[in-house]
Amino acid sequence: MNKYVLILLGAIGVGKGTQAQRLAQHLKIPQISTGDILRAEVQAGTELGLEAQRIMNRGELVPDDVIIEVVRKRLLEPDAVRGAILDGFPRTVPQAQALDGLLKDIDLPTPNVVSIEVPQEEIVDRLSSRRVCATCGAVFNLKMNAAAMEQHACPKGQANIIQRDDDRPDTVLQRLKVYEEKTMPLINYYRRAGALRQVSGIGSENEVFARILIAMDPELT
């Protein structure tokens, strides 16, 4: 039985979420988001969720040992027996080192890492063109399909199309700066390990998807 663990890296606006979903369907392994899992644990009132909630209520970051336990628990579920796509984890070198040990413990292979690269000016252009219906959450892009926004029939009533503060050019630039500062040590860690593959995120969704598959392993195509 072939097993595969993929870490997908990429700044905001590179299409990482879309590609992660496609890869999960293609490889038939789950996409795992630590943020989603933590929220589910909190909502379910589990011991792990209650601990995470207490930490967050104090305004503190959830420590690495709690995050690692969340990932361990998820990877031991039946649908992850062949591996998983990790989305939003690891975020730091200590988390990456802990993940290496965890994967070894549960008999999953060392991760392959793909970073989707898009020039900063293109990301700013993409996100500053994004609009959202504040009523129902539908997302539109002025560059790609302005007509869809104009024709939007909000299922929850009156449409309210806005530009989120996070999508304004100055805010996007700041978010990109923070991402680079936090992620560069992680990228260097995986580069030194020989696990990192970098692909261009410019082009159609299908083109980027094909590049990722080839970067992971030509046989997967």
N, C-alpha and C. Protein backbone atom coordinates (compact mmCIF):
# COMPACT_ATOMS: atom_id res chain seq x y z
N MET A 1 0.85 -1.20 0.00
CA MET A 1 0.00 0.00 0.00
C MET A 1 0.88 1.25 0.00
N ASN A 2 0.74 2.07 -1.03
CA ASN A 2 1.52 3.30 -1.11
C ASN A 2 1.03 4.32 -0.10
N LYS A 3 2.00 4.94 0.57
CA LYS A 3 1.66 5.97 1.55
C LYS A 3 2.33 7.28 1.13
N TYR A 4 1.66 8.38 1.44
CA TYR A 4 2.17 9.67 0.99
C TYR A 4 1.76 10.78 1.95
N VAL A 5 2.72 11.59 2.34
CA VAL A 5 2.44 12.76 3.17
C VAL A 5 2.95 13.99 2.44
N LEU A 6 2.07 14.95 2.23
CA LEU A 6 2.43 16.17 1.51
C LEU A 6 2.18 17.39 2.38
N ILE A 7 3.17 18.26 2.46
CA ILE A 7 2.99 19.57 3.08
C ILE A 7 2.93 20.59 1.95
N LEU A 8 1.84 21.34 1.91
CA LEU A 8 1.66 22.33 0.86
C LEU A 8 1.87 23.72 1.47
N LEU A 9 2.90 24.42 0.98
CA LEU A 9 3.20 25.75 1.47
C LEU A 9 2.84 26.78 0.40
N GLY A 10 2.58 27.99 0.85
CA GLY A 10 2.29 29.07 -0.10
C GLY A 10 1.70 30.25 0.64
N ALA A 11 2.02 31.43 0.17
CA ALA A 11 1.51 32.65 0.79
C ALA A 11 0.01 32.79 0.50
N ILE A 12 -0.60 33.78 1.12
CA ILE A 12 -1.99 34.08 0.83
C ILE A 12 -2.14 34.40 -0.66
N GLY A 13 -3.25 33.97 -1.24
CA GLY A 13 -3.54 34.35 -2.62
C GLY A 13 -2.88 33.52 -3.69
N VAL A 14 -2.18 32.44 -3.33
CA VAL A 14 -1.52 31.63 -4.37
C VAL A 14 -2.40 30.47 -4.85
N GLY A 15 -3.56 30.27 -4.22
CA GLY A 15 -4.44 29.18 -4.62
C GLY A 15 -4.16 27.87 -3.91
N LYS A 16 -3.50 27.96 -2.75
CA LYS A 16 -3.11 26.76 -2.02
C LYS A 16 -4.30 25.91 -1.60
N GLY A 17 -5.36 26.56 -1.11
CA GLY A 17 -6.53 25.83 -0.64
C GLY A 17 -7.20 25.04 -1.76
N THR A 18 -7.34 25.67 -2.90
CA THR A 18 -7.95 25.00 -4.07
C THR A 18 -7.12 23.79 -4.49
N GLN A 19 -5.81 23.96 -4.56
CA GLN A 19 -4.94 22.86 -4.97
C GLN A 19 -4.94 21.74 -3.94
N ALA A 20 -5.00 22.08 -2.66
CA ALA A 20 -5.03 21.05 -1.61
C ALA A 20 -6.28 20.18 -1.75
N GLN A 21 -7.41 20.79 -2.05
CA GLN A 21 -8.64 20.03 -2.23
C GLN A 21 -8.54 19.09 -3.45
N ARG A 22 -7.97 19.60 -4.53
CA ARG A 22 -7.82 18.77 -5.73
C ARG A 22 -6.86 17.61 -5.49
N LEU A 23 -5.78 17.89 -4.77
CA LEU A 23 -4.81 16.84 -4.48
C LEU A 23 -5.41 15.77 -3.58
N ALA A 24 -6.21 16.17 -2.63
CA ALA A 24 -6.85 15.21 -1.73
C ALA A 24 -7.75 14.26 -2.52
N GLN A 25 -8.49 14.80 -3.49
CA GLN A 25 -9.35 13.96 -4.31
C GLN A 25 -8.53 13.05 -5.22
N HIS A 26 -7.46 13.60 -5.79
CA HIS A 26 -6.63 12.84 -6.73
C HIS A 26 -5.89 11.69 -6.04
N LEU A 27 -5.34 11.97 -4.87
CA LEU A 27 -4.53 10.98 -4.16
C LEU A 27 -5.36 10.10 -3.21
N LYS A 28 -6.62 10.51 -3.00
CA LYS A 28 -7.53 9.78 -2.11
C LYS A 28 -6.97 9.70 -0.68
N ILE A 29 -6.43 10.83 -0.24
CA ILE A 29 -6.01 10.98 1.16
C ILE A 29 -6.60 12.29 1.67
N PRO A 30 -6.83 12.41 2.97
CA PRO A 30 -7.51 13.60 3.48
C PRO A 30 -6.64 14.85 3.50
N GLN A 31 -7.29 15.99 3.36
CA GLN A 31 -6.65 17.28 3.59
C GLN A 31 -6.86 17.62 5.06
N ILE A 32 -5.78 17.85 5.77
CA ILE A 32 -5.87 18.09 7.22
C ILE A 32 -5.48 19.52 7.54
N SER A 33 -6.41 20.25 8.14
CA SER A 33 -6.17 21.62 8.58
C SER A 33 -6.20 21.64 10.10
N THR A 34 -5.09 22.03 10.73
CA THR A 34 -5.06 22.05 12.20
C THR A 34 -6.06 23.07 12.75
N GLY A 35 -6.26 24.16 12.04
CA GLY A 35 -7.23 25.16 12.50
C GLY A 35 -8.64 24.59 12.55
N ASP A 36 -9.01 23.87 11.48
CA ASP A 36 -10.34 23.26 11.44
C ASP A 36 -10.51 22.22 12.54
N ILE A 37 -9.45 21.43 12.77
CA ILE A 37 -9.53 20.38 13.79
C ILE A 37 -9.69 20.99 15.18
N LEU A 38 -8.90 22.02 15.45
CA LEU A 38 -8.99 22.66 16.77
C LEU A 38 -10.39 23.22 17.02
N ARG A 39 -10.95 23.87 16.00
CA ARG A 39 -12.30 24.42 16.16
C ARG A 39 -13.31 23.31 16.42
N ALA A 40 -13.14 22.18 15.72
CA ALA A 40 -14.06 21.05 15.92
C ALA A 40 -13.91 20.46 17.32
N GLU A 41 -12.66 20.35 17.81
CA GLU A 41 -12.42 19.82 19.16
C GLU A 41 -13.04 20.74 20.22
N VAL A 42 -12.90 22.04 20.01
CA VAL A 42 -13.48 23.01 20.95
C VAL A 42 -15.00 22.89 20.95
N GLN A 43 -15.59 22.82 19.76
CA GLN A 43 -17.04 22.73 19.64
C GLN A 43 -17.58 21.44 20.25
N ALA A 44 -16.80 20.35 20.11
CA ALA A 44 -17.24 19.06 20.64
C ALA A 44 -17.02 18.96 22.15
N GLY A 45 -16.25 19.89 22.70
CA GLY A 45 -16.01 19.88 24.15
C GLY A 45 -15.11 18.75 24.60
N THR A 46 -14.21 18.28 23.74
CA THR A 46 -13.29 17.22 24.13
C THR A 46 -12.25 17.78 25.11
N GLU A 47 -11.52 16.87 25.75
CA GLU A 47 -10.48 17.29 26.69
C GLU A 47 -9.44 18.16 25.99
N LEU A 48 -9.07 17.73 24.78
CA LEU A 48 -8.11 18.48 24.00
C LEU A 48 -8.67 19.85 23.62
N GLY A 49 -9.94 19.86 23.22
CA GLY A 49 -10.58 21.12 22.84
C GLY A 49 -10.70 22.08 24.01
N LEU A 50 -11.03 21.56 25.19
CA LEU A 50 -11.15 22.41 26.37
C LEU A 50 -9.80 23.01 26.76
N GLU A 51 -8.74 22.21 26.62
CA GLU A 51 -7.40 22.72 26.93
C GLU A 51 -7.02 23.83 25.95
N ALA A 52 -7.30 23.59 24.66
CA ALA A 52 -6.99 24.61 23.66
C ALA A 52 -7.80 25.87 23.89
N GLN A 53 -9.06 25.71 24.29
CA GLN A 53 -9.91 26.86 24.54
C GLN A 53 -9.40 27.69 25.72
N ARG A 54 -8.94 27.02 26.76
CA ARG A 54 -8.41 27.74 27.92
C ARG A 54 -7.18 28.56 27.52
N ILE A 55 -6.35 27.97 26.68
CA ILE A 55 -5.13 28.66 26.24
C ILE A 55 -5.49 29.88 25.40
N MET A 56 -6.42 29.68 24.46
CA MET A 56 -6.81 30.78 23.57
C MET A 56 -7.54 31.88 24.33
N ASN A 57 -8.31 31.51 25.35
CA ASN A 57 -9.01 32.50 26.17
C ASN A 57 -8.04 33.40 26.93
N ARG A 58 -6.83 32.89 27.18
CA ARG A 58 -5.80 33.71 27.84
C ARG A 58 -5.05 34.58 26.83
N GLY A 59 -5.46 34.46 25.56
CA GLY A 59 -4.81 35.25 24.52
C GLY A 59 -3.47 34.71 24.10
N GLU A 60 -3.22 33.43 24.38
CA GLU A 60 -1.93 32.82 24.07
C GLU A 60 -2.05 31.92 22.84
N LEU A 61 -0.91 31.66 22.19
CA LEU A 61 -0.89 30.72 21.07
C LEU A 61 -0.94 29.29 21.60
N VAL A 62 -1.64 28.44 20.86
CA VAL A 62 -1.69 27.03 21.24
C VAL A 62 -0.29 26.45 21.11
N PRO A 63 0.27 25.87 22.18
CA PRO A 63 1.65 25.39 22.15
C PRO A 63 1.84 24.20 21.21
N ASP A 64 3.10 24.00 20.84
CA ASP A 64 3.42 22.96 19.87
C ASP A 64 2.96 21.58 20.31
N ASP A 65 3.10 21.26 21.61
CA ASP A 65 2.75 19.91 22.04
C ASP A 65 1.26 19.62 21.86
N VAL A 66 0.43 20.66 22.02
CA VAL A 66 -1.01 20.48 21.81
C VAL A 66 -1.30 20.31 20.32
N ILE A 67 -0.66 21.14 19.48
CA ILE A 67 -0.86 21.03 18.04
C ILE A 67 -0.42 19.66 17.53
N ILE A 68 0.73 19.19 18.01
CA ILE A 68 1.23 17.88 17.60
C ILE A 68 0.26 16.77 17.99
N GLU A 69 -0.32 16.88 19.18
CA GLU A 69 -1.28 15.88 19.62
C GLU A 69 -2.53 15.90 18.74
N VAL A 70 -2.95 17.10 18.32
CA VAL A 70 -4.08 17.23 17.41
C VAL A 70 -3.79 16.51 16.10
N VAL A 71 -2.59 16.73 15.56
CA VAL A 71 -2.21 16.10 14.30
C VAL A 71 -2.09 14.59 14.47
N ARG A 72 -1.48 14.15 15.57
CA ARG A 72 -1.35 12.71 15.83
C ARG A 72 -2.73 12.04 15.84
N LYS A 73 -3.64 12.62 16.58
CA LYS A 73 -4.98 12.05 16.71
C LYS A 73 -5.66 11.95 15.34
N ARG A 74 -5.49 13.00 14.53
CA ARG A 74 -6.14 13.01 13.21
C ARG A 74 -5.51 11.98 12.27
N LEU A 75 -4.18 11.85 12.31
CA LEU A 75 -3.49 10.93 11.41
C LEU A 75 -3.75 9.47 11.77
N LEU A 76 -4.22 9.22 12.97
CA LEU A 76 -4.52 7.85 13.38
C LEU A 76 -5.94 7.43 12.99
N GLU A 77 -6.71 8.35 12.40
CA GLU A 77 -8.05 7.99 11.95
C GLU A 77 -7.96 7.16 10.66
N PRO A 78 -8.96 6.29 10.42
CA PRO A 78 -8.87 5.32 9.32
C PRO A 78 -8.62 5.94 7.95
N ASP A 79 -9.18 7.11 7.67
CA ASP A 79 -9.04 7.66 6.32
C ASP A 79 -7.63 8.19 6.04
N ALA A 80 -6.80 8.27 7.10
CA ALA A 80 -5.44 8.77 6.93
C ALA A 80 -4.40 7.66 6.97
N VAL A 81 -4.84 6.42 6.85
CA VAL A 81 -3.90 5.31 6.95
C VAL A 81 -2.87 5.35 5.83
N ARG A 82 -3.23 5.92 4.68
CA ARG A 82 -2.30 6.02 3.55
C ARG A 82 -1.58 7.37 3.51
N GLY A 83 -1.87 8.25 4.48
CA GLY A 83 -1.21 9.54 4.50
C GLY A 83 -2.19 10.69 4.49
N ALA A 84 -1.68 11.89 4.21
CA ALA A 84 -2.52 13.08 4.27
C ALA A 84 -1.83 14.25 3.61
N ILE A 85 -2.63 15.28 3.32
CA ILE A 85 -2.11 16.56 2.88
C ILE A 85 -2.25 17.52 4.04
N LEU A 86 -1.15 18.08 4.49
CA LEU A 86 -1.16 18.95 5.66
C LEU A 86 -1.26 20.40 5.22
N ASP A 87 -2.29 21.08 5.70
CA ASP A 87 -2.59 22.45 5.30
C ASP A 87 -2.50 23.35 6.54
N GLY A 88 -1.53 24.26 6.54
CA GLY A 88 -1.37 25.15 7.70
C GLY A 88 -0.52 24.58 8.80
N PHE A 89 0.14 23.47 8.54
CA PHE A 89 1.02 22.82 9.52
C PHE A 89 2.08 22.04 8.76
N PRO A 90 3.33 22.08 9.21
CA PRO A 90 3.85 22.87 10.33
C PRO A 90 4.06 24.33 9.94
N ARG A 91 4.15 25.19 10.96
CA ARG A 91 4.39 26.61 10.73
C ARG A 91 5.78 27.04 11.18
N THR A 92 6.44 26.21 12.00
CA THR A 92 7.75 26.56 12.52
C THR A 92 8.68 25.36 12.40
N VAL A 93 9.98 25.60 12.53
CA VAL A 93 10.95 24.51 12.47
C VAL A 93 10.74 23.51 13.61
N PRO A 94 10.53 23.95 14.87
CA PRO A 94 10.26 22.96 15.93
C PRO A 94 9.05 22.08 15.62
N GLN A 95 8.00 22.65 15.02
CA GLN A 95 6.85 21.84 14.64
C GLN A 95 7.23 20.84 13.55
N ALA A 96 8.07 21.27 12.61
CA ALA A 96 8.51 20.37 11.54
C ALA A 96 9.32 19.21 12.11
N GLN A 97 10.18 19.50 13.07
CA GLN A 97 11.00 18.46 13.70
C GLN A 97 10.11 17.48 14.48
N ALA A 98 9.11 18.02 15.17
CA ALA A 98 8.19 17.16 15.91
C ALA A 98 7.38 16.29 14.96
N LEU A 99 7.00 16.86 13.81
CA LEU A 99 6.24 16.10 12.82
C LEU A 99 7.08 14.94 12.27
N ASP A 100 8.36 15.17 12.05
CA ASP A 100 9.24 14.10 11.56
C ASP A 100 9.19 12.91 12.51
N GLY A 101 9.28 13.19 13.80
CA GLY A 101 9.24 12.12 14.79
C GLY A 101 7.88 11.44 14.85
N LEU A 102 6.81 12.22 14.74
CA LEU A 102 5.46 11.67 14.77
C LEU A 102 5.22 10.73 13.60
N LEU A 103 5.61 11.15 12.40
CA LEU A 103 5.38 10.31 11.22
C LEU A 103 6.14 8.99 11.32
N LYS A 104 7.32 9.05 11.88
CA LYS A 104 8.10 7.82 12.08
C LYS A 104 7.40 6.90 13.07
N ASP A 105 6.86 7.48 14.14
CA ASP A 105 6.19 6.69 15.18
C ASP A 105 4.97 5.96 14.64
N ILE A 106 4.23 6.60 13.72
CA ILE A 106 2.97 6.00 13.26
C ILE A 106 3.12 5.37 11.87
N ASP A 107 4.36 5.14 11.47
CA ASP A 107 4.65 4.41 10.23
C ASP A 107 4.11 5.10 8.98
N LEU A 108 4.32 6.42 8.91
CA LEU A 108 4.05 7.16 7.69
C LEU A 108 5.36 7.72 7.17
N PRO A 109 5.48 7.91 5.87
CA PRO A 109 6.76 8.33 5.29
C PRO A 109 7.10 9.78 5.61
N THR A 110 8.37 10.11 5.45
CA THR A 110 8.79 11.50 5.62
C THR A 110 8.05 12.35 4.59
N PRO A 111 7.72 13.58 4.94
CA PRO A 111 6.87 14.39 4.06
C PRO A 111 7.60 14.92 2.83
N ASN A 112 6.85 15.05 1.76
CA ASN A 112 7.27 15.83 0.61
C ASN A 112 6.68 17.22 0.78
N VAL A 113 7.40 18.22 0.36
CA VAL A 113 6.98 19.60 0.58
C VAL A 113 6.96 20.33 -0.75
N VAL A 114 5.81 20.91 -1.08
CA VAL A 114 5.68 21.70 -2.30
C VAL A 114 5.29 23.12 -1.91
N SER A 115 6.07 24.09 -2.39
CA SER A 115 5.78 25.50 -2.14
C SER A 115 5.30 26.13 -3.44
N ILE A 116 4.10 26.69 -3.43
CA ILE A 116 3.55 27.37 -4.61
C ILE A 116 4.04 28.82 -4.59
N GLU A 117 4.76 29.19 -5.64
CA GLU A 117 5.41 30.50 -5.69
C GLU A 117 4.69 31.43 -6.69
N VAL A 118 4.32 32.60 -6.19
CA VAL A 118 3.70 33.63 -7.03
C VAL A 118 4.35 34.96 -6.68
N PRO A 119 4.75 35.75 -7.67
CA PRO A 119 5.38 37.04 -7.38
C PRO A 119 4.49 37.93 -6.51
N GLN A 120 5.13 38.71 -5.66
CA GLN A 120 4.41 39.54 -4.71
C GLN A 120 3.41 40.47 -5.40
N GLU A 121 3.83 41.09 -6.51
CA GLU A 121 2.94 42.04 -7.17
C GLU A 121 1.69 41.35 -7.72
N GLU A 122 1.83 40.09 -8.14
CA GLU A 122 0.69 39.33 -8.64
C GLU A 122 -0.28 39.00 -7.50
N ILE A 123 0.27 38.65 -6.33
CA ILE A 123 -0.59 38.35 -5.18
C ILE A 123 -1.38 39.58 -4.77
N VAL A 124 -0.70 40.73 -4.71
CA VAL A 124 -1.38 41.98 -4.34
C VAL A 124 -2.50 42.27 -5.34
N ASP A 125 -2.20 42.07 -6.63
CA ASP A 125 -3.19 42.32 -7.67
C ASP A 125 -4.39 41.38 -7.52
N ARG A 126 -4.10 40.10 -7.27
CA ARG A 126 -5.18 39.12 -7.12
C ARG A 126 -6.09 39.47 -5.95
N LEU A 127 -5.49 39.72 -4.80
CA LEU A 127 -6.29 39.92 -3.59
C LEU A 127 -6.99 41.27 -3.56
N SER A 128 -6.35 42.30 -4.11
CA SER A 128 -6.99 43.61 -4.12
C SER A 128 -8.16 43.65 -5.11
N SER A 129 -8.24 42.64 -5.99
CA SER A 129 -9.36 42.53 -6.92
C SER A 129 -10.49 41.67 -6.35
N ARG A 130 -10.29 41.15 -5.16
CA ARG A 130 -11.28 40.25 -4.56
C ARG A 130 -12.37 41.04 -3.83
N ARG A 131 -13.61 40.60 -4.00
CA ARG A 131 -14.74 41.19 -3.30
C ARG A 131 -15.54 40.06 -2.65
N VAL A 132 -16.24 40.38 -1.57
CA VAL A 132 -16.98 39.37 -0.81
C VAL A 132 -18.39 39.88 -0.52
N CYS A 133 -19.35 38.97 -0.60
CA CYS A 133 -20.70 39.30 -0.15
C CYS A 133 -20.73 39.13 1.37
N ALA A 134 -20.87 40.25 2.07
CA ALA A 134 -20.85 40.19 3.54
C ALA A 134 -22.05 39.45 4.10
N THR A 135 -23.08 39.26 3.30
CA THR A 135 -24.29 38.58 3.78
C THR A 135 -24.13 37.06 3.75
N CYS A 136 -23.61 36.54 2.62
CA CYS A 136 -23.55 35.07 2.49
C CYS A 136 -22.13 34.52 2.36
N GLY A 137 -21.13 35.40 2.19
CA GLY A 137 -19.75 34.94 2.13
C GLY A 137 -19.25 34.57 0.75
N ALA A 138 -20.07 34.73 -0.29
CA ALA A 138 -19.63 34.42 -1.65
C ALA A 138 -18.44 35.32 -2.03
N VAL A 139 -17.47 34.73 -2.75
CA VAL A 139 -16.25 35.45 -3.10
C VAL A 139 -16.20 35.67 -4.62
N PHE A 140 -15.80 36.87 -5.00
CA PHE A 140 -15.72 37.22 -6.42
C PHE A 140 -14.36 37.86 -6.70
N ASN A 141 -13.98 37.86 -7.98
CA ASN A 141 -12.75 38.52 -8.39
C ASN A 141 -13.05 39.42 -9.58
N LEU A 142 -12.76 40.70 -9.43
CA LEU A 142 -13.08 41.67 -10.47
C LEU A 142 -12.35 41.38 -11.77
N LYS A 143 -11.10 40.88 -11.66
CA LYS A 143 -10.31 40.61 -12.86
C LYS A 143 -10.80 39.38 -13.60
N MET A 144 -11.17 38.36 -12.84
CA MET A 144 -11.50 37.08 -13.46
C MET A 144 -12.95 37.02 -13.95
N ASN A 145 -13.86 37.57 -13.17
CA ASN A 145 -15.27 37.48 -13.55
C ASN A 145 -16.09 38.55 -12.83
N ALA A 146 -15.99 39.77 -13.33
CA ALA A 146 -16.74 40.87 -12.71
C ALA A 146 -18.24 40.67 -12.85
N ALA A 147 -18.65 40.02 -13.95
CA ALA A 147 -20.08 39.82 -14.20
C ALA A 147 -20.73 38.96 -13.12
N ALA A 148 -19.97 37.99 -12.59
CA ALA A 148 -20.53 37.11 -11.55
C ALA A 148 -20.93 37.91 -10.33
N MET A 149 -20.13 38.92 -10.00
CA MET A 149 -20.45 39.76 -8.85
C MET A 149 -21.71 40.58 -9.13
N GLU A 150 -21.80 41.12 -10.33
CA GLU A 150 -22.95 41.95 -10.70
C GLU A 150 -24.24 41.14 -10.74
N GLN A 151 -24.11 39.87 -11.08
CA GLN A 151 -25.30 39.01 -11.22
C GLN A 151 -25.61 38.23 -9.93
N HIS A 152 -24.85 38.46 -8.88
CA HIS A 152 -25.00 37.70 -7.64
C HIS A 152 -26.39 37.86 -7.04
N ALA A 153 -27.06 36.74 -6.86
CA ALA A 153 -28.35 36.72 -6.17
C ALA A 153 -28.13 36.09 -4.81
N CYS A 154 -27.98 36.93 -3.80
CA CYS A 154 -27.63 36.43 -2.47
C CYS A 154 -28.71 35.51 -1.92
N PRO A 155 -28.36 34.26 -1.57
CA PRO A 155 -29.37 33.32 -1.06
C PRO A 155 -29.89 33.69 0.32
N LYS A 156 -29.20 34.59 1.00
CA LYS A 156 -29.64 34.98 2.35
C LYS A 156 -30.35 36.34 2.36
N GLY A 157 -30.67 36.83 1.16
CA GLY A 157 -31.38 38.10 1.12
C GLY A 157 -30.60 39.17 0.39
N GLN A 158 -30.54 40.35 0.93
CA GLN A 158 -29.92 41.49 0.26
C GLN A 158 -28.41 41.32 0.15
N ALA A 159 -27.89 41.36 -1.08
CA ALA A 159 -26.44 41.26 -1.28
C ALA A 159 -25.75 42.50 -0.72
N ASN A 160 -24.58 42.29 -0.15
CA ASN A 160 -23.78 43.40 0.39
C ASN A 160 -22.32 43.14 0.01
N ILE A 161 -21.93 43.62 -1.17
CA ILE A 161 -20.60 43.35 -1.71
C ILE A 161 -19.59 44.34 -1.14
N ILE A 162 -18.54 43.81 -0.53
CA ILE A 162 -17.54 44.67 0.10
C ILE A 162 -16.12 44.20 -0.27
N GLN A 163 -15.16 45.06 -0.01
CA GLN A 163 -13.75 44.65 -0.04
C GLN A 163 -13.29 44.54 1.41
N ARG A 164 -12.84 43.36 1.80
CA ARG A 164 -12.40 43.17 3.18
C ARG A 164 -11.12 43.94 3.42
N ASP A 165 -10.95 44.38 4.66
CA ASP A 165 -9.73 45.12 5.01
C ASP A 165 -8.49 44.29 4.72
N ASP A 166 -8.58 42.97 4.91
CA ASP A 166 -7.44 42.08 4.68
C ASP A 166 -7.01 42.06 3.22
N ASP A 167 -7.90 42.49 2.31
CA ASP A 167 -7.60 42.43 0.88
C ASP A 167 -7.13 43.78 0.32
N ARG A 168 -6.99 44.77 1.16
CA ARG A 168 -6.49 46.06 0.69
C ARG A 168 -4.98 45.96 0.49
N PRO A 169 -4.45 46.62 -0.56
CA PRO A 169 -3.04 46.44 -0.93
C PRO A 169 -2.04 46.60 0.21
N ASP A 170 -2.21 47.62 1.05
CA ASP A 170 -1.23 47.83 2.13
C ASP A 170 -1.28 46.70 3.15
N THR A 171 -2.49 46.19 3.40
CA THR A 171 -2.64 45.08 4.35
C THR A 171 -2.07 43.79 3.77
N VAL A 172 -2.30 43.57 2.48
CA VAL A 172 -1.77 42.38 1.82
C VAL A 172 -0.24 42.38 1.88
N LEU A 173 0.37 43.52 1.62
CA LEU A 173 1.84 43.62 1.67
C LEU A 173 2.37 43.29 3.06
N GLN A 174 1.67 43.76 4.09
CA GLN A 174 2.10 43.46 5.46
C GLN A 174 1.95 41.98 5.77
N ARG A 175 0.86 41.38 5.32
CA ARG A 175 0.64 39.95 5.55
C ARG A 175 1.71 39.12 4.83
N LEU A 176 2.09 39.55 3.63
CA LEU A 176 3.13 38.84 2.89
C LEU A 176 4.48 38.95 3.60
N LYS A 177 4.75 40.10 4.17
CA LYS A 177 6.00 40.29 4.90
C LYS A 177 6.07 39.36 6.11
N VAL A 178 4.97 39.27 6.85
CA VAL A 178 4.92 38.40 8.02
C VAL A 178 5.08 36.95 7.60
N TYR A 179 4.40 36.55 6.50
CA TYR A 179 4.49 35.17 6.02
C TYR A 179 5.93 34.82 5.69
N GLU A 180 6.60 35.72 4.97
CA GLU A 180 7.98 35.44 4.56
C GLU A 180 8.89 35.30 5.76
N GLU A 181 8.74 36.20 6.74
CA GLU A 181 9.59 36.15 7.92
C GLU A 181 9.40 34.86 8.69
N LYS A 182 8.15 34.41 8.81
CA LYS A 182 7.86 33.22 9.60
C LYS A 182 8.15 31.92 8.84
N THR A 183 7.99 31.96 7.53
CA THR A 183 8.07 30.73 6.75
C THR A 183 9.47 30.44 6.22
N MET A 184 10.29 31.46 6.02
CA MET A 184 11.60 31.25 5.43
C MET A 184 12.45 30.22 6.18
N PRO A 185 12.50 30.26 7.52
CA PRO A 185 13.26 29.21 8.23
C PRO A 185 12.73 27.81 7.94
N LEU A 186 11.40 27.69 7.79
CA LEU A 186 10.79 26.39 7.50
C LEU A 186 11.16 25.93 6.09
N ILE A 187 11.12 26.84 5.14
CA ILE A 187 11.52 26.51 3.77
C ILE A 187 12.97 26.07 3.73
N ASN A 188 13.83 26.79 4.44
CA ASN A 188 15.25 26.43 4.47
C ASN A 188 15.46 25.06 5.13
N TYR A 189 14.66 24.75 6.16
CA TYR A 189 14.75 23.46 6.84
C TYR A 189 14.47 22.31 5.86
N TYR A 190 13.39 22.45 5.10
CA TYR A 190 13.03 21.40 4.16
C TYR A 190 13.95 21.39 2.93
N ARG A 191 14.48 22.54 2.56
CA ARG A 191 15.44 22.57 1.45
C ARG A 191 16.70 21.80 1.82
N ARG A 192 17.18 22.01 3.04
CA ARG A 192 18.38 21.29 3.50
C ARG A 192 18.13 19.79 3.57
N ALA A 193 16.88 19.42 3.88
CA ALA A 193 16.53 17.99 3.97
C ALA A 193 16.31 17.38 2.59
N GLY A 194 16.32 18.21 1.55
CA GLY A 194 16.10 17.70 0.19
C GLY A 194 14.65 17.38 -0.11
N ALA A 195 13.72 17.89 0.72
CA ALA A 195 12.30 17.55 0.56
C ALA A 195 11.52 18.62 -0.18
N LEU A 196 12.11 19.80 -0.37
CA LEU A 196 11.37 20.95 -0.90
C LEU A 196 11.34 20.97 -2.42
N ARG A 197 10.14 21.19 -2.97
CA ARG A 197 9.97 21.42 -4.39
C ARG A 197 9.19 22.74 -4.54
N GLN A 198 9.66 23.61 -5.41
CA GLN A 198 8.99 24.88 -5.63
C GLN A 198 8.39 24.91 -7.02
N VAL A 199 7.12 25.32 -7.12
CA VAL A 199 6.44 25.37 -8.41
C VAL A 199 5.81 26.75 -8.60
N SER A 200 5.68 27.14 -9.85
CA SER A 200 5.05 28.42 -10.16
C SER A 200 3.54 28.33 -9.99
N GLY A 201 2.96 29.33 -9.36
CA GLY A 201 1.52 29.39 -9.20
C GLY A 201 0.85 30.28 -10.23
N ILE A 202 1.60 30.66 -11.28
CA ILE A 202 1.05 31.47 -12.36
C ILE A 202 0.46 30.56 -13.42
N GLY A 203 -0.73 30.91 -13.88
CA GLY A 203 -1.38 30.09 -14.91
C GLY A 203 -2.74 29.61 -14.43
N SER A 204 -3.33 28.74 -15.21
CA SER A 204 -4.66 28.22 -14.85
C SER A 204 -4.55 27.25 -13.68
N GLU A 205 -5.70 26.96 -13.08
CA GLU A 205 -5.75 26.00 -11.97
C GLU A 205 -5.22 24.64 -12.41
N ASN A 206 -5.57 24.23 -13.63
CA ASN A 206 -5.12 22.93 -14.14
C ASN A 206 -3.61 22.91 -14.36
N GLU A 207 -3.07 24.01 -14.86
CA GLU A 207 -1.63 24.08 -15.10
C GLU A 207 -0.85 23.97 -13.80
N VAL A 208 -1.31 24.69 -12.78
CA VAL A 208 -0.62 24.65 -11.49
C VAL A 208 -0.74 23.26 -10.87
N PHE A 209 -1.90 22.65 -11.00
CA PHE A 209 -2.12 21.31 -10.48
C PHE A 209 -1.15 20.31 -11.11
N ALA A 210 -0.99 20.40 -12.43
CA ALA A 210 -0.08 19.50 -13.14
C ALA A 210 1.36 19.70 -12.67
N ARG A 211 1.76 20.95 -12.46
CA ARG A 211 3.12 21.22 -11.98
C ARG A 211 3.36 20.60 -10.61
N ILE A 212 2.35 20.69 -9.75
CA ILE A 212 2.49 20.14 -8.40
C ILE A 212 2.67 18.62 -8.46
N LEU A 213 1.86 17.96 -9.26
CA LEU A 213 1.97 16.50 -9.39
C LEU A 213 3.33 16.09 -9.89
N ILE A 214 3.84 16.79 -10.90
CA ILE A 214 5.15 16.46 -11.45
C ILE A 214 6.23 16.71 -10.40
N ALA A 215 6.11 17.79 -9.64
CA ALA A 215 7.10 18.10 -8.61
C ALA A 215 7.10 17.04 -7.51
N MET A 216 5.91 16.54 -7.17
CA MET A 216 5.81 15.51 -6.14
C MET A 216 6.45 14.21 -6.60
N ASP A 217 6.02 13.78 -7.80
CA ASP A 217 6.50 12.50 -8.34
C ASP A 217 5.89 12.34 -9.72
N PRO A 218 6.69 12.29 -10.78
CA PRO A 218 6.13 12.13 -12.13
C PRO A 218 5.19 10.95 -12.27
N GLU A 219 5.37 9.91 -11.45
CA GLU A 219 4.53 8.72 -11.57
C GLU A 219 3.10 9.00 -11.11
N LEU A 220 2.91 10.06 -10.30
CA LEU A 220 1.58 10.35 -9.79
C LEU A 220 0.67 10.91 -10.87
N THR A 221 1.23 11.41 -11.96
CA THR A 221 0.41 11.95 -13.04
C THR A 221 -0.20 10.85 -13.87
